[in-house]
Amino acid sequence: MPDERKKDRFALRADGSAWTVYEVWSGNPAVFAGAPQTRLSEDDARHMAGLLNTQSRRGDSSMRR
């Protein structure tokens, strides 16, 4: 596993036929622009998790709770 993946804040989980992007530390669905990142296609979930993890690694203060 690449070192940066060990620090990922967001990951994916399958929820039936859809996917959820969730925060690893809390287990809660990620929220972006006020919308929970649930019921996504696998491609959309992977894309969103990538975006959120990139922003989180950069220290984007909007990603803090």
Protein backbone atom coordinates (compact mmCIF):
# COMPACT_ATOMS: atom_id res chain seq x y z
CA MET A 1 0.00 0.00 0.00
CA PRO A 2 1.48 3.40 -0.93
CA ASP A 3 2.38 5.57 2.06
CA GLU A 4 -0.10 8.32 1.16
CA ARG A 5 -2.98 5.80 1.13
CA LYS A 6 -2.24 5.00 4.78
CA LYS A 7 -3.10 8.62 5.57
CA ASP A 8 -6.30 8.79 3.50
CA ARG A 9 -9.13 10.39 5.40
CA PHE A 10 -11.85 9.12 3.04
CA ALA A 11 -12.59 5.64 1.68
CA LEU A 12 -15.37 3.75 -0.12
CA ARG A 13 -17.82 1.12 0.98
CA ALA A 14 -20.42 -0.77 -0.98
CA ASP A 15 -24.01 -0.26 0.16
CA GLY A 16 -26.00 -2.77 -1.83
CA SER A 17 -25.88 -1.70 -5.46
CA ALA A 18 -24.51 1.79 -4.65
CA TRP A 19 -21.39 3.22 -2.98
CA THR A 20 -20.71 5.58 -0.09
CA VAL A 21 -17.67 7.78 0.49
CA TYR A 22 -17.05 7.80 4.23
CA GLU A 23 -14.64 9.39 6.68
CA VAL A 24 -12.29 6.67 7.91
CA TRP A 25 -11.90 8.12 11.41
CA SER A 26 -15.61 8.41 12.22
CA GLY A 27 -17.23 5.95 9.82
CA ASN A 28 -19.76 8.64 8.84
CA PRO A 29 -20.58 9.46 5.22
CA ALA A 30 -18.53 12.31 3.78
CA VAL A 31 -20.48 15.51 3.20
CA PHE A 32 -19.60 17.73 0.25
CA ALA A 33 -21.45 20.98 -0.48
CA GLY A 34 -24.04 19.97 2.10
CA ALA A 35 -24.80 16.62 0.42
CA PRO A 36 -23.92 13.26 1.98
CA GLN A 37 -21.83 11.26 -0.48
CA THR A 38 -24.08 8.20 -0.52
CA ARG A 39 -25.89 6.20 -3.22
CA LEU A 40 -23.14 6.94 -5.78
CA SER A 41 -21.92 4.86 -8.69
CA GLU A 42 -18.55 3.21 -8.04
CA ASP A 43 -16.86 5.56 -10.54
CA ASP A 44 -18.37 8.66 -8.93
CA ALA A 45 -17.47 7.44 -5.43
CA ARG A 46 -13.85 6.75 -6.43
CA HIS A 47 -13.61 10.17 -8.05
CA MET A 48 -15.09 11.97 -5.03
CA ALA A 49 -12.90 10.08 -2.54
CA GLY A 50 -9.85 11.02 -4.62
CA LEU A 51 -10.81 14.68 -4.64
CA LEU A 52 -11.55 14.75 -0.93
CA ASN A 53 -8.32 12.94 -0.03
CA THR A 54 -6.27 15.29 -2.20
CA GLN A 55 -7.80 18.33 -0.50
CA SER A 56 -7.33 16.77 2.92
CA ARG A 57 -3.63 16.00 2.25
CA ARG A 58 -3.10 19.60 1.21
CA GLY A 59 -4.43 20.74 4.58
CA ASP A 60 -7.51 22.43 3.11
CA SER A 61 -9.16 24.05 6.13
CA SER A 62 -12.62 23.58 4.58
CA MET A 63 -12.15 19.84 5.16
CA ARG A 64 -11.87 20.27 8.93
CA ARG A 65 -14.84 19.65 11.15
